[in-house]
C-alpha atoms as a PDB file:
ATOM      1  CA  MET A   1     107.239  21.685  31.246  1.00  0.00           C
ATOM      2  CA  ARG A   2     105.784  24.176  28.781  1.00  0.00           C
ATOM      3  CA  ASN A   3     104.632  21.426  26.397  1.00  0.00           C
ATOM      4  CA  VAL A   4     102.791  19.715  29.222  1.00  0.00           C
ATOM      5  CA  THR A   5     100.965  22.957  30.077  1.00  0.00           C
ATOM      6  CA  ILE A   6     100.032  23.572  26.446  1.00  0.00           C
ATOM      7  CA  ARG A   7      98.791  19.985  26.170  1.00  0.00           C
ATOM      8  CA  LYS A   8      96.682  20.425  29.323  1.00  0.00           C
ATOM      9  CA  VAL A   9      95.139  23.646  27.979  1.00  0.00           C
ATOM     10  CA  LEU A  10      94.408  22.004  24.613  1.00  0.00           C
ATOM     11  CA  THR A  11      92.844  19.002  26.323  1.00  0.00           C
ATOM     12  CA  GLY A  12      90.765  21.349  28.472  1.00  0.00           C
ATOM     13  CA  SER A  13      89.719  23.217  25.326  1.00  0.00           C
ATOM     14  CA  VAL A  14      88.526  20.003  23.701  1.00  0.00           C
ATOM     15  CA  LEU A  15      86.571  19.173  26.858  1.00  0.00           C
ATOM     16  CA  ALA A  16      85.103  22.704  26.830  1.00  0.00           C
ATOM     17  CA  PHE A  17      83.985  22.262  23.216  1.00  0.00           C
ATOM     18  CA  LEU A  18      82.322  18.937  24.034  1.00  0.00           C
ATOM     19  CA  LEU A  19      80.590  20.450  27.063  1.00  0.00           C
ATOM     20  CA  PHE A  20      79.400  23.464  25.059  1.00  0.00           C
ATOM     21  CA  ALA A  21      78.028  21.236  22.279  1.00  0.00           C
ATOM     22  CA  SER A  22      76.272  19.014  24.833  1.00  0.00           C
ATOM     23  CA  VAL A  23      74.659  21.913  26.679  1.00  0.00           C
ATOM     24  CA  SER A  24      73.526  23.475  23.392  1.00  0.00           C
ATOM     25  CA  PHE A  25      72.016  20.147  22.304  1.00  0.00           C
ATOM     26  CA  ILE A  26      70.212  19.773  25.634  1.00  0.00           C
ATOM     27  CA  THR A  27      68.730  23.278  25.304  1.00  0.00           C
ATOM     28  CA  VAL A  28      67.448  22.361  21.830  1.00  0.00           C
ATOM     29  CA  VAL A  29      65.918  19.112  23.052  1.00  0.00           C
ATOM     30  CA  MET A  30      64.318  20.811  26.056  1.00  0.00           C
ATOM     31  CA  ASP A  31      62.866  23.496  23.783  1.00  0.00           C
ATOM     32  CA  ILE A  32      61.506  20.994  21.267  1.00  0.00           C
ATOM     33  CA  TYR A  33      59.995  18.725  23.908  1.00  0.00           C
ATOM     34  CA  PRO A  34      59.520  20.583  27.204  1.00  0.00           C
ATOM     35  CA  ALA A  35      59.085  18.082  30.033  1.00  0.00           C
ATOM     36  CA  THR A  36      57.633  20.607  32.472  1.00  0.00           C
ATOM     37  CA  ALA A  37      55.113  22.339  30.214  1.00  0.00           C
ATOM     38  CA  PRO A  38      52.310  20.994  28.057  1.00  0.00           C
ATOM     39  CA  LEU A  39      52.897  20.835  24.328  1.00  0.00           C
ATOM     40  CA  SER A  40      51.921  24.047  22.613  1.00  0.00           C
ATOM     41  CA  SER A  41      51.370  24.973  19.008  1.00  0.00           C
ATOM     42  CA  SER A  42      53.876  27.825  19.067  1.00  0.00           C
ATOM     43  CA  CYS A  43      56.822  27.553  16.746  1.00  0.00           C
ATOM     44  CA  GLU A  44      59.678  28.882  18.855  1.00  0.00           C
ATOM     45  CA  LEU A  45      63.226  27.683  19.421  1.00  0.00           C
ATOM     46  CA  ARG A  46      65.855  29.177  21.716  1.00  0.00           C
ATOM     47  CA  ILE A  47      69.391  27.869  21.955  1.00  0.00           C
ATOM     48  CA  GLY A  48      71.938  28.781  24.619  1.00  0.00           C
ATOM     49  CA  PHE A  49      72.583  28.582  28.316  1.00  0.00           C
ATOM     50  CA  PRO A  50      72.948  30.821  30.323  1.00  0.00           C
ATOM     51  CA  PHE A  51      72.608  33.355  27.487  1.00  0.00           C
ATOM     52  CA  ILE A  52      70.364  32.727  24.480  1.00  0.00           C
ATOM     53  CA  TYR A  53      72.388  33.113  21.305  1.00  0.00           C
ATOM     54  CA  TYR A  54      69.915  31.789  18.708  1.00  0.00           C
ATOM     55  CA  HIS A  55      66.194  32.463  18.537  1.00  0.00           C
ATOM     56  CA  GLN A  56      63.772  31.173  15.920  1.00  0.00           C
ATOM     57  CA  PHE A  57      60.063  31.897  15.834  1.00  0.00           C
ATOM     58  CA  CYS A  58      57.194  31.737  13.364  1.00  0.00           C
ATOM     59  CA  LEU A  59      54.949  34.613  12.405  1.00  0.00           C
ATOM     60  CA  ASP A  60      53.011  32.481   9.957  1.00  0.00           C
ATOM     61  CA  ALA A  61      52.854  28.720   9.709  1.00  0.00           C
ATOM     62  CA  CYS A  62      55.389  28.567   6.888  1.00  0.00           C
ATOM     63  CA  LYS A  63      57.560  31.646   7.497  1.00  0.00           C
ATOM     64  CA  PRO A  64      60.118  31.102  10.258  1.00  0.00           C
ATOM     65  CA  ASN A  65      62.162  34.081  11.409  1.00  0.00           C
ATOM     66  CA  PHE A  66      65.448  33.724  13.215  1.00  0.00           C
ATOM     67  CA  GLY A  67      68.196  35.776  14.752  1.00  0.00           C
ATOM     68  CA  TRP A  68      71.662  35.285  16.178  1.00  0.00           C
ATOM     69  CA  ASN A  69      72.988  37.076  19.230  1.00  0.00           C
ATOM     70  CA  GLY A  70      76.762  37.151  18.781  1.00  0.00           C
ATOM     71  CA  ARG A  71      77.383  38.624  22.204  1.00  0.00           C
ATOM     72  CA  GLY A  72      75.425  35.840  23.897  1.00  0.00           C
ATOM     73  CA  PHE A  73      77.285  33.220  21.857  1.00  0.00           C
ATOM     74  CA  LEU A  74      80.697  34.635  22.770  1.00  0.00           C
ATOM     75  CA  LEU A  75      79.718  34.894  26.435  1.00  0.00           C
ATOM     76  CA  ASP A  76      78.492  31.278  26.467  1.00  0.00           C
ATOM     77  CA  VAL A  77      81.661  30.041  24.772  1.00  0.00           C
ATOM     78  CA  GLY A  78      83.905  32.132  27.043  1.00  0.00           C
ATOM     79  CA  ILE A  79      82.190  31.077  30.257  1.00  0.00           C
ATOM     80  CA  THR A  80      82.201  27.417  29.243  1.00  0.00           C
ATOM     81  CA  TRP A  81      85.860  27.538  28.244  1.00  0.00           C
ATOM     82  CA  CYS A  82      87.006  29.352  31.412  1.00  0.00           C
ATOM     83  CA  VAL A  83      85.089  27.093  33.778  1.00  0.00           C
ATOM     84  CA  THR A  84      86.105  23.871  32.018  1.00  0.00           C
ATOM     85  CA  VAL A  85      89.792  24.684  31.572  1.00  0.00           C
ATOM     86  CA  THR A  86      90.103  26.052  35.120  1.00  0.00           C
ATOM     87  CA  GLY A  87      88.391  22.980  36.526  1.00  0.00           C
ATOM     88  CA  TYR A  88      90.527  20.629  34.438  1.00  0.00           C
ATOM     89  CA  LEU A  89      93.782  22.346  35.410  1.00  0.00           C
ATOM     90  CA  THR A  90      92.761  22.398  39.082  1.00  0.00           C
ATOM     91  CA  TYR A  91      91.830  18.710  38.984  1.00  0.00           C
ATOM     92  CA  TYR A  92      95.036  17.790  37.171  1.00  0.00           C
ATOM     93  CA  ARG A  93      97.180  19.786  39.612  1.00  0.00           C
ATOM     94  CA  LYS A  94      95.555  18.106  42.637  1.00  0.00           C
ATOM     95  CA  LYS A  95      95.879  14.689  41.010  1.00  0.00           C
ATOM     96  CA  VAL A  96      99.604  15.137  40.350  1.00  0.00           C
ATOM     97  CA  ILE A  97     100.496  16.527  43.790  1.00  0.00           C
END
């Protein structure tokens, strides 16, 4: 019984990682090519949803500046993991019963 629970949590963790990587990729793509706004000449990139954990911007044309927000990264990872694993365990429990 315990091995099955550990396996479910590990499977949910893998799903959470895939979801987090997908959402991060989508935020990059949406920032590089915004569908709702016209193309601008600003050099700015923000990664993270719902909290921005990476921000890159240009002061000059050839000098990009960047910064990481560790708190935002940990919050994004934690929220994604909790929601995904809880949803997976809930779905699995309803499927079995």
